[in-house]
Amino acid sequence: MLKKLRMFISFGLIIVLFIVMGADLKEKSTALLSTTTVALNANADTTLYTVPVGKRCVLTKAILVLGADASTTDISIGQNGAETDFLAATDLGLINAQYDACILQPIPAANVLLGKSYAAGTVIEIQVTNQAGGATNTLYLFGILY
């Protein structure tokens, strides 16, 4: 019993230290940055994430889980005004049922693949074009803050 109490107190102190020191578990490691419902039934931009003040962000991937058939919908991801600078226009035609999922990321090549380091305050968006899907899709955005 005493051993369990010590472990509980130690774990509690670690959590308190993270809170007091302002530590963010998303920093300097790949982490889930946001979870966003994305409608594929309307051509529109949807905000996915805003880079926090004093930080920079490098996106690593996005995972899209469908709520319904994506049909011929195209999407791209990037900063507001340049929504293709992370993921170029991508056809979702091969994922066509509820709970189908896809991992979206630039495909590495033999040469260095250009990525972006987004400054604090940068708004990351998904842009839907050629809409033909459902309204209840979930996009999980991953990246590194530093």
N, C-alpha and C. Protein backbone atom coordinates (compact mmCIF):
# COMPACT_ATOMS: atom_id res chain seq x y z
N MET A 1 0.82 -1.19 0.00
CA MET A 1 0.00 0.00 0.00
C MET A 1 0.87 1.26 0.00
N LEU A 2 1.90 1.25 0.85
CA LEU A 2 2.79 2.40 0.94
C LEU A 2 3.53 2.63 -0.38
N LYS A 3 3.93 1.52 -1.04
CA LYS A 3 4.62 1.63 -2.33
C LYS A 3 3.71 2.28 -3.38
N LYS A 4 2.43 1.88 -3.42
CA LYS A 4 1.48 2.46 -4.36
C LYS A 4 1.26 3.94 -4.06
N LEU A 5 1.21 4.29 -2.78
CA LEU A 5 1.02 5.70 -2.40
C LEU A 5 2.21 6.53 -2.86
N ARG A 6 3.44 6.00 -2.69
CA ARG A 6 4.64 6.73 -3.13
C ARG A 6 4.62 6.93 -4.65
N MET A 7 4.25 5.88 -5.39
CA MET A 7 4.17 5.99 -6.85
C MET A 7 3.14 7.03 -7.25
N PHE A 8 1.99 7.03 -6.59
CA PHE A 8 0.94 8.00 -6.90
C PHE A 8 1.42 9.42 -6.63
N ILE A 9 2.08 9.64 -5.50
CA ILE A 9 2.59 10.97 -5.16
C ILE A 9 3.66 11.39 -6.15
N SER A 10 4.58 10.48 -6.51
CA SER A 10 5.62 10.81 -7.49
C SER A 10 5.03 11.20 -8.82
N PHE A 11 4.06 10.42 -9.30
CA PHE A 11 3.41 10.73 -10.57
C PHE A 11 2.71 12.08 -10.47
N GLY A 12 2.03 12.35 -9.38
CA GLY A 12 1.35 13.62 -9.17
C GLY A 12 2.30 14.79 -9.20
N LEU A 13 3.47 14.63 -8.59
CA LEU A 13 4.48 15.70 -8.58
C LEU A 13 5.00 15.98 -9.99
N ILE A 14 5.17 14.93 -10.78
CA ILE A 14 5.62 15.12 -12.17
C ILE A 14 4.59 15.92 -12.95
N ILE A 15 3.33 15.58 -12.80
CA ILE A 15 2.26 16.31 -13.49
C ILE A 15 2.24 17.77 -13.04
N VAL A 16 2.37 18.01 -11.74
CA VAL A 16 2.38 19.38 -11.22
C VAL A 16 3.56 20.15 -11.80
N LEU A 17 4.73 19.52 -11.88
CA LEU A 17 5.90 20.19 -12.45
C LEU A 17 5.65 20.58 -13.90
N PHE A 18 5.05 19.70 -14.70
CA PHE A 18 4.74 20.03 -16.08
C PHE A 18 3.81 21.23 -16.15
N ILE A 19 2.82 21.26 -15.29
CA ILE A 19 1.86 22.36 -15.29
C ILE A 19 2.52 23.66 -14.85
N VAL A 20 3.26 23.61 -13.75
CA VAL A 20 3.90 24.82 -13.20
C VAL A 20 4.95 25.36 -14.16
N MET A 21 5.73 24.50 -14.77
CA MET A 21 6.80 24.94 -15.64
C MET A 21 6.31 25.24 -17.05
N GLY A 22 5.05 24.98 -17.31
CA GLY A 22 4.51 25.28 -18.63
C GLY A 22 4.99 24.32 -19.70
N ALA A 23 5.40 23.14 -19.31
CA ALA A 23 5.90 22.17 -20.29
C ALA A 23 4.76 21.71 -21.19
N ASP A 24 5.06 21.62 -22.45
CA ASP A 24 4.08 21.15 -23.43
C ASP A 24 4.62 19.85 -24.00
N LEU A 25 3.87 18.77 -23.83
CA LEU A 25 4.33 17.47 -24.29
C LEU A 25 4.41 17.39 -25.81
N LYS A 26 3.89 18.40 -26.54
CA LYS A 26 3.96 18.40 -27.99
C LYS A 26 5.30 18.94 -28.49
N GLU A 27 6.10 19.53 -27.62
CA GLU A 27 7.34 20.15 -28.06
C GLU A 27 8.43 19.12 -28.32
N LYS A 28 9.15 19.34 -29.39
CA LYS A 28 10.35 18.58 -29.74
C LYS A 28 10.11 17.08 -29.91
N SER A 29 8.88 16.72 -30.26
CA SER A 29 8.56 15.34 -30.61
C SER A 29 7.33 15.36 -31.51
N THR A 30 7.19 14.35 -32.35
CA THR A 30 6.01 14.30 -33.20
C THR A 30 4.80 14.04 -32.32
N ALA A 31 3.78 14.88 -32.46
CA ALA A 31 2.60 14.77 -31.61
C ALA A 31 1.35 15.11 -32.40
N LEU A 32 0.22 14.69 -31.86
CA LEU A 32 -1.07 15.07 -32.42
C LEU A 32 -1.30 16.54 -32.10
N LEU A 33 -1.38 17.39 -33.12
CA LEU A 33 -1.57 18.82 -32.93
C LEU A 33 -3.03 19.21 -32.87
N SER A 34 -3.88 18.52 -33.65
CA SER A 34 -5.30 18.88 -33.65
C SER A 34 -6.14 17.73 -34.19
N THR A 35 -7.40 17.76 -33.80
CA THR A 35 -8.43 16.85 -34.31
C THR A 35 -9.57 17.74 -34.78
N THR A 36 -9.92 17.65 -36.06
CA THR A 36 -10.88 18.58 -36.65
C THR A 36 -11.89 17.83 -37.51
N THR A 37 -13.17 18.20 -37.37
CA THR A 37 -14.19 17.68 -38.27
C THR A 37 -14.11 18.47 -39.57
N VAL A 38 -14.01 17.74 -40.69
CA VAL A 38 -13.86 18.37 -42.00
C VAL A 38 -15.02 17.91 -42.90
N ALA A 39 -15.73 18.87 -43.45
CA ALA A 39 -16.83 18.56 -44.38
C ALA A 39 -16.26 18.41 -45.78
N LEU A 40 -16.52 17.26 -46.38
CA LEU A 40 -16.09 17.03 -47.76
C LEU A 40 -17.25 17.22 -48.73
N ASN A 41 -18.35 17.76 -48.22
CA ASN A 41 -19.53 17.97 -49.07
C ASN A 41 -19.68 19.43 -49.49
N ALA A 42 -18.64 20.25 -49.25
CA ALA A 42 -18.67 21.65 -49.67
C ALA A 42 -17.25 22.11 -49.95
N ASN A 43 -17.06 22.85 -51.04
CA ASN A 43 -15.76 23.42 -51.33
C ASN A 43 -15.51 24.55 -50.35
N ALA A 44 -14.50 24.39 -49.49
CA ALA A 44 -14.23 25.40 -48.46
C ALA A 44 -12.87 25.14 -47.83
N ASP A 45 -12.38 26.17 -47.12
CA ASP A 45 -11.18 26.04 -46.30
C ASP A 45 -11.63 25.83 -44.86
N THR A 46 -10.97 24.93 -44.15
CA THR A 46 -11.25 24.68 -42.75
C THR A 46 -9.96 24.82 -41.97
N THR A 47 -9.96 25.63 -40.91
CA THR A 47 -8.77 25.79 -40.08
C THR A 47 -8.51 24.52 -39.30
N LEU A 48 -7.27 24.04 -39.36
CA LEU A 48 -6.86 22.84 -38.64
C LEU A 48 -6.05 23.17 -37.39
N TYR A 49 -5.22 24.22 -37.47
CA TYR A 49 -4.29 24.49 -36.38
C TYR A 49 -3.70 25.88 -36.55
N THR A 50 -3.43 26.54 -35.45
CA THR A 50 -2.70 27.81 -35.45
C THR A 50 -1.44 27.62 -34.62
N VAL A 51 -0.29 27.92 -35.18
CA VAL A 51 0.98 27.74 -34.48
C VAL A 51 1.03 28.68 -33.28
N PRO A 52 1.33 28.16 -32.09
CA PRO A 52 1.35 29.00 -30.88
C PRO A 52 2.42 30.08 -30.91
N VAL A 53 2.17 31.14 -30.16
CA VAL A 53 3.11 32.26 -30.03
C VAL A 53 4.45 31.74 -29.53
N GLY A 54 5.52 32.21 -30.15
CA GLY A 54 6.87 31.85 -29.72
C GLY A 54 7.35 30.49 -30.21
N LYS A 55 6.57 29.83 -31.05
CA LYS A 55 6.93 28.49 -31.55
C LYS A 55 6.98 28.47 -33.06
N ARG A 56 7.60 27.42 -33.58
CA ARG A 56 7.56 27.10 -35.00
C ARG A 56 7.03 25.69 -35.10
N CYS A 57 6.51 25.32 -36.27
CA CYS A 57 5.87 24.02 -36.44
C CYS A 57 6.27 23.41 -37.77
N VAL A 58 6.62 22.14 -37.74
CA VAL A 58 6.86 21.36 -38.95
C VAL A 58 5.81 20.24 -38.96
N LEU A 59 4.97 20.22 -39.98
CA LEU A 59 3.95 19.18 -40.09
C LEU A 59 4.59 17.89 -40.58
N THR A 60 4.12 16.75 -40.07
CA THR A 60 4.67 15.47 -40.49
C THR A 60 3.66 14.62 -41.27
N LYS A 61 2.39 14.67 -40.87
CA LYS A 61 1.37 13.90 -41.59
C LYS A 61 -0.01 14.31 -41.10
N ALA A 62 -1.00 13.86 -41.84
CA ALA A 62 -2.39 14.01 -41.43
C ALA A 62 -3.06 12.66 -41.67
N ILE A 63 -3.98 12.30 -40.81
CA ILE A 63 -4.75 11.07 -41.00
C ILE A 63 -6.21 11.47 -41.11
N LEU A 64 -6.85 11.07 -42.19
CA LEU A 64 -8.26 11.37 -42.43
C LEU A 64 -9.07 10.11 -42.26
N VAL A 65 -10.07 10.17 -41.39
CA VAL A 65 -10.99 9.05 -41.17
C VAL A 65 -12.36 9.50 -41.67
N LEU A 66 -12.91 8.75 -42.61
CA LEU A 66 -14.16 9.16 -43.26
C LEU A 66 -15.39 8.87 -42.41
N GLY A 67 -16.37 9.76 -42.55
CA GLY A 67 -17.69 9.54 -41.99
C GLY A 67 -18.62 8.97 -43.06
N ALA A 68 -18.21 9.11 -44.33
CA ALA A 68 -18.99 8.61 -45.47
C ALA A 68 -18.06 8.58 -46.68
N ASP A 69 -18.55 8.13 -47.80
CA ASP A 69 -17.79 8.05 -49.05
C ASP A 69 -17.20 9.41 -49.41
N ALA A 70 -15.89 9.43 -49.71
CA ALA A 70 -15.24 10.68 -50.14
C ALA A 70 -15.43 10.92 -51.63
N SER A 71 -15.79 9.89 -52.36
CA SER A 71 -16.07 9.97 -53.79
C SER A 71 -14.90 10.61 -54.54
N THR A 72 -15.14 11.69 -55.24
CA THR A 72 -14.09 12.32 -56.06
C THR A 72 -13.55 13.60 -55.43
N THR A 73 -13.72 13.76 -54.15
CA THR A 73 -13.26 14.97 -53.46
C THR A 73 -11.74 15.09 -53.55
N ASP A 74 -11.26 16.31 -53.73
CA ASP A 74 -9.84 16.63 -53.68
C ASP A 74 -9.59 17.49 -52.46
N ILE A 75 -8.44 17.28 -51.80
CA ILE A 75 -8.06 18.13 -50.67
C ILE A 75 -6.60 18.52 -50.81
N SER A 76 -6.22 19.58 -50.13
CA SER A 76 -4.83 19.98 -49.98
C SER A 76 -4.69 20.60 -48.59
N ILE A 77 -3.47 20.64 -48.08
CA ILE A 77 -3.22 21.16 -46.73
C ILE A 77 -2.01 22.08 -46.77
N GLY A 78 -2.10 23.19 -46.05
CA GLY A 78 -0.98 24.12 -45.94
C GLY A 78 -1.41 25.38 -45.23
N GLN A 79 -0.52 26.35 -45.23
CA GLN A 79 -0.83 27.60 -44.55
C GLN A 79 -1.89 28.38 -45.31
N ASN A 80 -2.64 29.20 -44.59
CA ASN A 80 -3.68 30.03 -45.17
C ASN A 80 -3.11 30.82 -46.34
N GLY A 81 -3.76 30.73 -47.48
CA GLY A 81 -3.31 31.45 -48.67
C GLY A 81 -2.40 30.62 -49.56
N ALA A 82 -1.86 29.54 -49.01
CA ALA A 82 -0.99 28.64 -49.80
C ALA A 82 -1.30 27.21 -49.36
N GLU A 83 -2.54 26.83 -49.48
CA GLU A 83 -3.02 25.57 -48.91
C GLU A 83 -2.42 24.32 -49.54
N THR A 84 -1.45 24.46 -50.42
CA THR A 84 -0.81 23.28 -51.01
C THR A 84 0.65 23.16 -50.60
N ASP A 85 1.12 23.98 -49.65
CA ASP A 85 2.56 23.95 -49.35
C ASP A 85 2.97 22.81 -48.42
N PHE A 86 2.03 22.08 -47.85
CA PHE A 86 2.36 20.84 -47.13
C PHE A 86 1.93 19.63 -47.97
N LEU A 87 0.66 19.60 -48.36
CA LEU A 87 0.14 18.49 -49.15
C LEU A 87 -0.52 19.06 -50.40
N ALA A 88 0.01 18.68 -51.55
CA ALA A 88 -0.56 19.15 -52.82
C ALA A 88 -1.95 18.54 -53.02
N ALA A 89 -2.69 19.06 -53.98
CA ALA A 89 -4.04 18.55 -54.26
C ALA A 89 -4.00 17.03 -54.39
N THR A 90 -4.86 16.38 -53.61
CA THR A 90 -4.89 14.92 -53.52
C THR A 90 -6.31 14.41 -53.72
N ASP A 91 -6.48 13.47 -54.63
CA ASP A 91 -7.78 12.87 -54.92
C ASP A 91 -8.08 11.78 -53.89
N LEU A 92 -9.24 11.84 -53.25
CA LEU A 92 -9.64 10.87 -52.24
C LEU A 92 -10.50 9.74 -52.81
N GLY A 93 -10.49 9.57 -54.10
CA GLY A 93 -11.37 8.63 -54.76
C GLY A 93 -11.24 7.18 -54.35
N LEU A 94 -10.11 6.78 -53.75
CA LEU A 94 -9.93 5.39 -53.38
C LEU A 94 -10.41 5.06 -51.97
N ILE A 95 -10.80 6.06 -51.20
CA ILE A 95 -11.38 5.79 -49.88
C ILE A 95 -12.87 6.11 -49.98
N ASN A 96 -13.69 5.09 -49.84
CA ASN A 96 -15.08 5.28 -50.22
C ASN A 96 -16.12 4.68 -49.28
N ALA A 97 -15.77 4.52 -48.01
CA ALA A 97 -16.75 3.99 -47.07
C ALA A 97 -16.50 4.58 -45.68
N GLN A 98 -17.54 4.61 -44.88
CA GLN A 98 -17.41 5.09 -43.51
C GLN A 98 -16.30 4.30 -42.80
N TYR A 99 -15.47 5.03 -42.06
CA TYR A 99 -14.32 4.51 -41.30
C TYR A 99 -13.12 4.13 -42.17
N ASP A 100 -13.20 4.30 -43.49
CA ASP A 100 -11.98 4.19 -44.28
C ASP A 100 -11.05 5.30 -43.81
N ALA A 101 -9.75 5.05 -43.87
CA ALA A 101 -8.79 6.05 -43.42
C ALA A 101 -7.63 6.12 -44.40
N CYS A 102 -6.98 7.27 -44.44
CA CYS A 102 -5.78 7.43 -45.26
C CYS A 102 -4.77 8.27 -44.51
N ILE A 103 -3.51 7.95 -44.73
CA ILE A 103 -2.41 8.73 -44.16
C ILE A 103 -1.95 9.66 -45.27
N LEU A 104 -1.99 10.95 -44.98
CA LEU A 104 -1.65 11.97 -45.98
C LEU A 104 -0.33 12.62 -45.60
N GLN A 105 0.64 12.51 -46.49
CA GLN A 105 1.92 13.16 -46.27
C GLN A 105 2.66 13.25 -47.60
N PRO A 106 3.55 14.23 -47.71
CA PRO A 106 4.35 14.28 -48.94
C PRO A 106 5.14 12.98 -49.06
N ILE A 107 5.28 12.47 -50.26
CA ILE A 107 5.98 11.21 -50.47
C ILE A 107 7.47 11.48 -50.58
N PRO A 108 8.27 10.89 -49.69
CA PRO A 108 9.73 11.08 -49.79
C PRO A 108 10.26 10.53 -51.11
N ALA A 109 11.24 11.21 -51.64
CA ALA A 109 11.87 10.80 -52.89
C ALA A 109 13.35 10.53 -52.63
N ALA A 110 14.07 10.19 -53.69
CA ALA A 110 15.50 9.92 -53.55
C ALA A 110 16.25 11.18 -53.11
N ASN A 111 15.75 12.34 -53.52
CA ASN A 111 16.38 13.60 -53.13
C ASN A 111 15.66 14.18 -51.93
N VAL A 112 16.22 15.20 -51.36
CA VAL A 112 15.61 15.87 -50.21
C VAL A 112 14.24 16.42 -50.59
N LEU A 113 13.27 16.19 -49.74
CA LEU A 113 11.92 16.68 -49.95
C LEU A 113 11.76 17.99 -49.19
N LEU A 114 11.38 19.06 -49.88
CA LEU A 114 11.21 20.36 -49.23
C LEU A 114 10.03 20.32 -48.28
N GLY A 115 10.24 20.74 -47.05
CA GLY A 115 9.18 20.88 -46.07
C GLY A 115 9.12 22.34 -45.64
N LYS A 116 8.17 22.67 -44.81
CA LYS A 116 8.02 24.04 -44.33
C LYS A 116 8.11 24.06 -42.82
N SER A 117 8.69 25.13 -42.29
CA SER A 117 8.68 25.40 -40.86
C SER A 117 7.80 26.64 -40.69
N TYR A 118 6.62 26.43 -40.14
CA TYR A 118 5.64 27.51 -40.03
C TYR A 118 5.90 28.36 -38.79
N ALA A 119 5.87 29.68 -38.95
CA ALA A 119 6.11 30.62 -37.85
C ALA A 119 4.90 30.70 -36.92
N ALA A 120 5.15 31.23 -35.73
CA ALA A 120 4.07 31.46 -34.76
C ALA A 120 2.96 32.28 -35.42
N GLY A 121 1.73 31.91 -35.13
CA GLY A 121 0.57 32.62 -35.67
C GLY A 121 0.12 32.14 -37.03
N THR A 122 0.91 31.27 -37.68
CA THR A 122 0.51 30.75 -38.98
C THR A 122 -0.72 29.85 -38.81
N VAL A 123 -1.72 30.07 -39.65
CA VAL A 123 -2.93 29.26 -39.63
C VAL A 123 -2.79 28.17 -40.68
N ILE A 124 -2.91 26.91 -40.23
CA ILE A 124 -2.84 25.76 -41.12
C ILE A 124 -4.27 25.37 -41.48
N GLU A 125 -4.53 25.19 -42.77
CA GLU A 125 -5.89 24.89 -43.23
C GLU A 125 -5.90 23.68 -44.16
N ILE A 126 -7.07 23.08 -44.28
CA ILE A 126 -7.34 22.09 -45.32
C ILE A 126 -8.27 22.76 -46.32
N GLN A 127 -8.00 22.56 -47.59
CA GLN A 127 -8.85 23.13 -48.64
C GLN A 127 -9.54 21.98 -49.37
N VAL A 128 -10.86 22.04 -49.42
CA VAL A 128 -11.66 21.02 -50.11
C VAL A 128 -12.09 21.59 -51.46
N THR A 129 -11.83 20.84 -52.53
CA THR A 129 -12.30 21.21 -53.86
C THR A 129 -12.94 19.97 -54.49
N ASN A 130 -13.71 20.17 -55.52
CA ASN A 130 -14.42 19.06 -56.19
C ASN A 130 -15.21 18.24 -55.18
N GLN A 131 -15.84 18.93 -54.26
CA GLN A 131 -16.55 18.27 -53.15
C GLN A 131 -17.54 17.22 -53.63
N ALA A 132 -17.55 16.10 -52.93
CA ALA A 132 -18.50 15.04 -53.26
C ALA A 132 -18.65 14.06 -52.10
N GLY A 133 -18.11 14.39 -50.95
CA GLY A 133 -18.15 13.46 -49.82
C GLY A 133 -19.15 13.87 -48.76
N GLY A 134 -19.00 13.28 -47.59
CA GLY A 134 -19.89 13.55 -46.47
C GLY A 134 -19.39 14.69 -45.60
N ALA A 135 -20.16 15.00 -44.56
CA ALA A 135 -19.86 16.15 -43.70
C ALA A 135 -19.19 15.77 -42.39
N THR A 136 -19.07 14.50 -42.07
CA THR A 136 -18.61 14.11 -40.73
C THR A 136 -17.31 13.33 -40.78
N ASN A 137 -16.28 13.92 -41.35
CA ASN A 137 -14.97 13.30 -41.46
C ASN A 137 -14.04 13.90 -40.41
N THR A 138 -13.10 13.14 -39.92
CA THR A 138 -12.20 13.63 -38.89
C THR A 138 -10.78 13.62 -39.41
N LEU A 139 -10.09 14.76 -39.27
CA LEU A 139 -8.70 14.86 -39.68
C LEU A 139 -7.84 15.04 -38.44
N TYR A 140 -6.85 14.17 -38.31
CA TYR A 140 -5.88 14.24 -37.21
C TYR A 140 -4.58 14.79 -37.79
N LEU A 141 -4.13 15.93 -37.28
CA LEU A 141 -2.93 16.59 -37.80
C LEU A 141 -1.77 16.38 -36.84
N PHE A 142 -0.63 15.93 -37.39
CA PHE A 142 0.55 15.65 -36.58
C PHE A 142 1.70 16.55 -37.01
N GLY A 143 2.56 16.88 -36.06
CA GLY A 143 3.72 17.69 -36.36
C GLY A 143 4.63 17.85 -35.16
N ILE A 144 5.63 18.68 -35.32
CA ILE A 144 6.62 18.94 -34.28
C ILE A 144 6.62 20.44 -34.00
N LEU A 145 6.56 20.80 -32.73
CA LEU A 145 6.71 22.20 -32.31
C LEU A 145 8.10 22.37 -31.73
N TYR A 146 8.72 23.50 -32.04
CA TYR A 146 10.02 23.78 -31.43
C TYR A 146 10.18 25.26 -31.22
